[in-house]
Amino acid sequence: MKYLLSVIVIVLVCSCSDSFINHTLKAEGSGECNEQPVPVKMISNINGERYEFQYCLGEGFDEKNYTVVRSGDSLLVKFPATGGKKFSYKLILDIDAKPPYRFITLGEGGQTIPLVPSERL
């Protein structure tokens, strides 16, 4: 009986957490990589944020080979280490997360973008 009660309490505590990170990535090759910093376009809406930017990745980059992890009030977007020839990709990253995050870092040692709250209509 003790074990059953313990299991029920653990299940209830774990099921009350409503934090999540939903993300999708679309990648389109756009030529040779020139390693020049390119501005990031951010669009916010009720379903989260969309980031559009150029990034240099390996020749065989697959849209499934990336991760998004939470670290405090930041999200870290990690792309696979690249060896060999790099190409420039136009990336469109959609992210919806709860609890809200205040910063996002795109790539290892990449650009950190602060999110500035704006009034939503």
N, C-alpha and C. Protein backbone atom coordinates (compact mmCIF):
# COMPACT_ATOMS: atom_id res chain seq x y z
N MET A 1 0.81 -1.18 0.00
CA MET A 1 0.00 0.00 0.00
C MET A 1 0.86 1.27 0.00
N LYS A 2 2.00 1.23 0.74
CA LYS A 2 2.91 2.37 0.77
C LYS A 2 3.46 2.65 -0.63
N TYR A 3 3.80 1.57 -1.34
CA TYR A 3 4.38 1.73 -2.68
C TYR A 3 3.37 2.32 -3.64
N LEU A 4 2.13 1.89 -3.55
CA LEU A 4 1.08 2.40 -4.42
C LEU A 4 0.86 3.88 -4.17
N LEU A 5 0.83 4.28 -2.91
CA LEU A 5 0.66 5.69 -2.56
C LEU A 5 1.85 6.51 -3.06
N SER A 6 3.05 5.98 -2.92
CA SER A 6 4.25 6.68 -3.40
C SER A 6 4.21 6.87 -4.91
N VAL A 7 3.82 5.85 -5.64
CA VAL A 7 3.74 5.94 -7.10
C VAL A 7 2.69 6.98 -7.52
N ILE A 8 1.56 6.99 -6.85
CA ILE A 8 0.50 7.96 -7.19
C ILE A 8 0.98 9.38 -6.93
N VAL A 9 1.67 9.62 -5.83
CA VAL A 9 2.18 10.96 -5.52
C VAL A 9 3.21 11.38 -6.57
N ILE A 10 4.11 10.50 -6.94
CA ILE A 10 5.12 10.83 -7.95
C ILE A 10 4.48 11.14 -9.28
N VAL A 11 3.51 10.37 -9.70
CA VAL A 11 2.82 10.61 -10.97
C VAL A 11 2.10 11.95 -10.95
N LEU A 12 1.45 12.28 -9.85
CA LEU A 12 0.74 13.55 -9.75
C LEU A 12 1.70 14.73 -9.78
N VAL A 13 2.81 14.63 -9.10
CA VAL A 13 3.79 15.72 -9.09
C VAL A 13 4.37 15.91 -10.48
N CYS A 14 4.72 14.85 -11.16
CA CYS A 14 5.31 14.95 -12.51
C CYS A 14 4.30 15.43 -13.53
N SER A 15 3.05 15.08 -13.38
CA SER A 15 2.05 15.46 -14.37
C SER A 15 1.63 16.92 -14.23
N CYS A 16 1.93 17.55 -13.11
CA CYS A 16 1.55 18.96 -12.90
C CYS A 16 2.49 19.92 -13.62
N SER A 17 3.64 19.46 -14.01
CA SER A 17 4.59 20.31 -14.72
C SER A 17 4.08 20.55 -16.13
N ASP A 18 3.94 21.81 -16.49
CA ASP A 18 3.45 22.11 -17.83
C ASP A 18 4.50 22.85 -18.65
N SER A 19 5.78 22.69 -18.31
CA SER A 19 6.83 23.33 -19.09
C SER A 19 7.11 22.52 -20.35
N PHE A 20 7.45 23.24 -21.44
CA PHE A 20 7.72 22.57 -22.71
C PHE A 20 8.56 23.47 -23.61
N ILE A 21 9.17 22.86 -24.60
CA ILE A 21 9.85 23.57 -25.68
C ILE A 21 9.47 22.86 -26.97
N ASN A 22 8.69 23.52 -27.80
CA ASN A 22 8.35 22.99 -29.13
C ASN A 22 9.16 23.76 -30.16
N HIS A 23 9.76 23.04 -31.09
CA HIS A 23 10.58 23.73 -32.09
C HIS A 23 10.57 22.97 -33.41
N THR A 24 10.68 23.72 -34.49
CA THR A 24 10.83 23.15 -35.83
C THR A 24 11.85 23.98 -36.58
N LEU A 25 12.54 23.34 -37.50
CA LEU A 25 13.58 24.01 -38.28
C LEU A 25 13.40 23.69 -39.74
N LYS A 26 13.49 24.71 -40.58
CA LYS A 26 13.52 24.54 -42.03
C LYS A 26 14.85 25.09 -42.51
N ALA A 27 15.54 24.32 -43.34
CA ALA A 27 16.85 24.74 -43.83
C ALA A 27 16.86 24.70 -45.35
N GLU A 28 17.47 25.73 -45.93
CA GLU A 28 17.59 25.80 -47.39
C GLU A 28 19.01 26.26 -47.72
N GLY A 29 19.73 25.46 -48.47
CA GLY A 29 21.09 25.83 -48.86
C GLY A 29 21.08 27.09 -49.69
N SER A 30 22.06 27.98 -49.42
CA SER A 30 22.07 29.25 -50.16
C SER A 30 23.46 29.61 -50.69
N GLY A 31 24.36 28.65 -50.81
CA GLY A 31 25.65 28.94 -51.41
C GLY A 31 26.81 28.71 -50.46
N GLU A 32 27.96 29.28 -50.85
CA GLU A 32 29.17 29.10 -50.05
C GLU A 32 29.14 29.97 -48.81
N CYS A 33 29.79 29.48 -47.77
CA CYS A 33 29.82 30.17 -46.49
C CYS A 33 30.88 31.27 -46.53
N ASN A 34 30.49 32.48 -46.10
CA ASN A 34 31.46 33.56 -46.07
C ASN A 34 31.77 34.02 -44.65
N GLU A 35 31.16 33.37 -43.64
CA GLU A 35 31.43 33.64 -42.22
C GLU A 35 31.18 35.09 -41.81
N GLN A 36 30.46 35.86 -42.60
CA GLN A 36 30.11 37.22 -42.23
C GLN A 36 28.87 37.20 -41.36
N PRO A 37 28.87 37.98 -40.26
CA PRO A 37 27.68 38.00 -39.41
C PRO A 37 26.48 38.60 -40.16
N VAL A 38 25.37 37.93 -40.06
CA VAL A 38 24.15 38.36 -40.74
C VAL A 38 23.10 38.62 -39.67
N PRO A 39 22.36 39.70 -39.80
CA PRO A 39 21.34 39.97 -38.77
C PRO A 39 20.28 38.88 -38.72
N VAL A 40 19.72 38.71 -37.54
CA VAL A 40 18.66 37.73 -37.30
C VAL A 40 17.33 38.47 -37.32
N LYS A 41 16.40 37.93 -38.10
CA LYS A 41 15.06 38.51 -38.15
C LYS A 41 14.19 37.70 -37.19
N MET A 42 13.52 38.41 -36.26
CA MET A 42 12.67 37.73 -35.29
C MET A 42 11.24 38.24 -35.44
N ILE A 43 10.30 37.30 -35.47
CA ILE A 43 8.89 37.63 -35.56
C ILE A 43 8.20 36.94 -34.39
N SER A 44 7.51 37.71 -33.56
CA SER A 44 6.77 37.13 -32.43
C SER A 44 5.29 37.10 -32.74
N ASN A 45 4.65 36.03 -32.31
CA ASN A 45 3.19 35.95 -32.41
C ASN A 45 2.68 35.11 -31.26
N ILE A 46 1.42 34.81 -31.27
CA ILE A 46 0.80 34.08 -30.16
C ILE A 46 1.35 32.65 -30.03
N ASN A 47 1.90 32.10 -31.10
CA ASN A 47 2.43 30.73 -31.08
C ASN A 47 3.91 30.67 -30.80
N GLY A 48 4.53 31.76 -30.37
CA GLY A 48 5.96 31.76 -30.08
C GLY A 48 6.72 32.73 -30.96
N GLU A 49 7.98 32.38 -31.23
CA GLU A 49 8.84 33.25 -32.04
C GLU A 49 9.36 32.49 -33.25
N ARG A 50 9.59 33.25 -34.32
CA ARG A 50 10.22 32.72 -35.52
C ARG A 50 11.50 33.50 -35.74
N TYR A 51 12.59 32.76 -35.96
CA TYR A 51 13.89 33.36 -36.22
C TYR A 51 14.31 32.98 -37.64
N GLU A 52 14.71 33.96 -38.43
CA GLU A 52 15.22 33.73 -39.78
C GLU A 52 16.64 34.27 -39.82
N PHE A 53 17.59 33.40 -40.21
CA PHE A 53 18.99 33.82 -40.22
C PHE A 53 19.81 32.90 -41.13
N GLN A 54 21.01 33.35 -41.48
CA GLN A 54 21.97 32.57 -42.26
C GLN A 54 22.95 31.93 -41.28
N TYR A 55 23.36 30.69 -41.56
CA TYR A 55 24.30 30.01 -40.69
C TYR A 55 25.15 29.06 -41.53
N CYS A 56 26.43 28.96 -41.20
CA CYS A 56 27.33 28.07 -41.93
C CYS A 56 27.32 26.69 -41.27
N LEU A 57 26.99 25.69 -42.06
CA LEU A 57 26.91 24.31 -41.58
C LEU A 57 27.59 23.39 -42.57
N GLY A 58 27.81 22.16 -42.15
CA GLY A 58 28.46 21.17 -43.01
C GLY A 58 27.63 20.82 -44.23
N GLU A 59 28.29 20.27 -45.21
CA GLU A 59 27.68 19.96 -46.50
C GLU A 59 26.43 19.10 -46.40
N GLY A 60 26.41 18.12 -45.54
CA GLY A 60 25.27 17.20 -45.46
C GLY A 60 24.33 17.51 -44.31
N PHE A 61 24.13 18.78 -43.99
CA PHE A 61 23.29 19.13 -42.84
C PHE A 61 21.87 18.63 -43.05
N ASP A 62 21.32 18.04 -41.99
CA ASP A 62 19.95 17.55 -41.99
C ASP A 62 19.16 18.35 -40.96
N GLU A 63 17.94 18.72 -41.29
CA GLU A 63 17.11 19.55 -40.41
C GLU A 63 16.81 18.89 -39.06
N LYS A 64 17.08 17.62 -38.94
CA LYS A 64 16.82 16.91 -37.68
C LYS A 64 18.05 16.88 -36.77
N ASN A 65 19.19 17.35 -37.28
CA ASN A 65 20.43 17.29 -36.52
C ASN A 65 20.72 18.59 -35.78
N TYR A 66 19.85 18.94 -34.87
CA TYR A 66 20.08 20.09 -34.01
C TYR A 66 19.31 19.86 -32.71
N THR A 67 19.66 20.61 -31.68
CA THR A 67 18.96 20.49 -30.42
C THR A 67 18.65 21.88 -29.87
N VAL A 68 17.61 21.95 -29.07
CA VAL A 68 17.26 23.17 -28.34
C VAL A 68 17.13 22.76 -26.88
N VAL A 69 17.95 23.38 -26.03
CA VAL A 69 17.92 23.06 -24.60
C VAL A 69 17.75 24.34 -23.79
N ARG A 70 17.11 24.19 -22.64
CA ARG A 70 16.92 25.33 -21.74
C ARG A 70 18.07 25.35 -20.75
N SER A 71 18.56 26.56 -20.48
CA SER A 71 19.58 26.77 -19.45
C SER A 71 19.19 28.04 -18.70
N GLY A 72 18.51 27.86 -17.58
CA GLY A 72 18.02 29.01 -16.83
C GLY A 72 16.93 29.73 -17.61
N ASP A 73 17.13 31.02 -17.86
CA ASP A 73 16.14 31.78 -18.62
C ASP A 73 16.55 31.93 -20.09
N SER A 74 17.42 31.02 -20.56
CA SER A 74 17.91 31.07 -21.94
C SER A 74 17.63 29.76 -22.66
N LEU A 75 17.52 29.85 -23.97
CA LEU A 75 17.47 28.66 -24.82
C LEU A 75 18.76 28.62 -25.63
N LEU A 76 19.35 27.44 -25.73
CA LEU A 76 20.58 27.25 -26.50
C LEU A 76 20.26 26.36 -27.69
N VAL A 77 20.49 26.88 -28.89
CA VAL A 77 20.27 26.11 -30.11
C VAL A 77 21.64 25.59 -30.53
N LYS A 78 21.76 24.27 -30.59
CA LYS A 78 23.06 23.65 -30.91
C LYS A 78 22.96 22.92 -32.24
N PHE A 79 23.92 23.21 -33.11
CA PHE A 79 24.02 22.54 -34.40
C PHE A 79 25.20 21.58 -34.35
N PRO A 80 25.19 20.53 -35.18
CA PRO A 80 26.29 19.55 -35.14
C PRO A 80 27.61 20.18 -35.56
N ALA A 81 28.69 19.65 -34.97
CA ALA A 81 30.03 20.10 -35.37
C ALA A 81 30.25 19.75 -36.83
N THR A 82 30.86 20.67 -37.55
CA THR A 82 31.05 20.46 -38.98
C THR A 82 32.51 20.22 -39.30
N GLY A 83 32.74 19.27 -40.13
CA GLY A 83 34.07 19.01 -40.63
C GLY A 83 34.03 19.09 -42.15
N GLY A 84 35.09 19.51 -42.74
CA GLY A 84 35.10 19.62 -44.20
C GLY A 84 34.51 20.93 -44.68
N LYS A 85 33.96 20.88 -45.86
CA LYS A 85 33.45 22.09 -46.51
C LYS A 85 32.16 22.56 -45.86
N LYS A 86 32.07 23.88 -45.67
CA LYS A 86 30.87 24.48 -45.08
C LYS A 86 30.08 25.21 -46.15
N PHE A 87 28.77 25.19 -45.97
CA PHE A 87 27.86 25.91 -46.85
C PHE A 87 26.98 26.82 -46.01
N SER A 88 26.52 27.88 -46.63
CA SER A 88 25.60 28.79 -45.96
C SER A 88 24.17 28.28 -46.14
N TYR A 89 23.43 28.26 -45.05
CA TYR A 89 22.04 27.83 -45.08
C TYR A 89 21.16 28.96 -44.57
N LYS A 90 20.03 29.12 -45.21
CA LYS A 90 19.00 30.02 -44.67
C LYS A 90 18.16 29.15 -43.76
N LEU A 91 18.11 29.51 -42.46
CA LEU A 91 17.39 28.73 -41.47
C LEU A 91 16.17 29.51 -40.98
N ILE A 92 15.08 28.80 -40.84
CA ILE A 92 13.86 29.35 -40.24
C ILE A 92 13.54 28.46 -39.04
N LEU A 93 13.67 29.03 -37.85
CA LEU A 93 13.49 28.30 -36.61
C LEU A 93 12.27 28.84 -35.88
N ASP A 94 11.29 27.97 -35.65
CA ASP A 94 10.09 28.33 -34.90
C ASP A 94 10.20 27.71 -33.51
N ILE A 95 10.00 28.55 -32.47
CA ILE A 95 10.10 28.07 -31.10
C ILE A 95 8.92 28.58 -30.29
N ASP A 96 8.33 27.66 -29.52
CA ASP A 96 7.29 27.99 -28.56
C ASP A 96 7.70 27.31 -27.26
N ALA A 97 7.84 28.08 -26.19
CA ALA A 97 8.34 27.51 -24.93
C ALA A 97 7.58 28.07 -23.74
N LYS A 98 7.45 27.22 -22.74
CA LYS A 98 6.86 27.63 -21.48
C LYS A 98 7.67 27.00 -20.37
N PRO A 99 8.11 27.67 -19.37
CA PRO A 99 7.94 29.08 -19.12
C PRO A 99 8.72 29.90 -20.14
N PRO A 100 8.38 31.18 -20.26
CA PRO A 100 9.04 32.03 -21.27
C PRO A 100 10.54 32.11 -21.04
N TYR A 101 11.27 32.31 -22.10
CA TYR A 101 12.71 32.49 -22.01
C TYR A 101 13.03 33.94 -22.32
N ARG A 102 14.19 34.41 -21.86
CA ARG A 102 14.56 35.82 -22.05
C ARG A 102 15.69 36.01 -23.05
N PHE A 103 16.46 34.94 -23.33
CA PHE A 103 17.57 35.01 -24.26
C PHE A 103 17.60 33.74 -25.09
N ILE A 104 18.12 33.84 -26.31
CA ILE A 104 18.34 32.67 -27.14
C ILE A 104 19.73 32.80 -27.76
N THR A 105 20.49 31.70 -27.74
CA THR A 105 21.82 31.68 -28.35
C THR A 105 21.76 30.74 -29.54
N LEU A 106 22.12 31.25 -30.71
CA LEU A 106 22.05 30.48 -31.95
C LEU A 106 23.43 29.93 -32.29
N GLY A 107 23.65 28.65 -32.07
CA GLY A 107 24.91 27.99 -32.39
C GLY A 107 25.93 28.12 -31.27
N GLU A 108 26.94 27.25 -31.33
CA GLU A 108 28.02 27.25 -30.34
C GLU A 108 28.80 28.56 -30.44
N GLY A 109 28.85 29.29 -29.35
CA GLY A 109 29.57 30.56 -29.36
C GLY A 109 28.93 31.56 -30.30
N GLY A 110 27.68 31.34 -30.63
CA GLY A 110 27.00 32.18 -31.60
C GLY A 110 26.38 33.41 -30.98
N GLN A 111 25.53 34.00 -31.75
CA GLN A 111 24.89 35.24 -31.38
C GLN A 111 23.82 35.01 -30.31
N THR A 112 23.89 35.78 -29.22
CA THR A 112 22.87 35.72 -28.17
C THR A 112 21.92 36.88 -28.39
N ILE A 113 20.63 36.56 -28.44
CA ILE A 113 19.62 37.56 -28.73
C ILE A 113 18.73 37.71 -27.50
N PRO A 114 18.64 38.94 -26.94
CA PRO A 114 17.69 39.14 -25.84
C PRO A 114 16.29 39.32 -26.40
N LEU A 115 15.31 38.77 -25.73
CA LEU A 115 13.92 38.97 -26.13
C LEU A 115 13.37 40.14 -25.35
N VAL A 116 12.86 41.08 -26.07
CA VAL A 116 12.28 42.26 -25.44
C VAL A 116 10.77 42.11 -25.49
N PRO A 117 10.12 42.10 -24.32
CA PRO A 117 8.67 41.96 -24.34
C PRO A 117 8.02 43.11 -25.09
N SER A 118 7.03 42.80 -25.87
CA SER A 118 6.29 43.85 -26.58
C SER A 118 4.81 43.67 -26.28
N GLU A 119 4.09 44.74 -26.44
CA GLU A 119 2.66 44.69 -26.17
C GLU A 119 1.98 43.96 -27.30
N ARG A 120 1.16 42.96 -26.94
CA ARG A 120 0.42 42.21 -27.94
C ARG A 120 -1.01 42.69 -27.97
N LEU A 121 -1.53 42.82 -29.15
CA LEU A 121 -2.91 43.31 -29.29
C LEU A 121 -3.89 42.19 -29.19
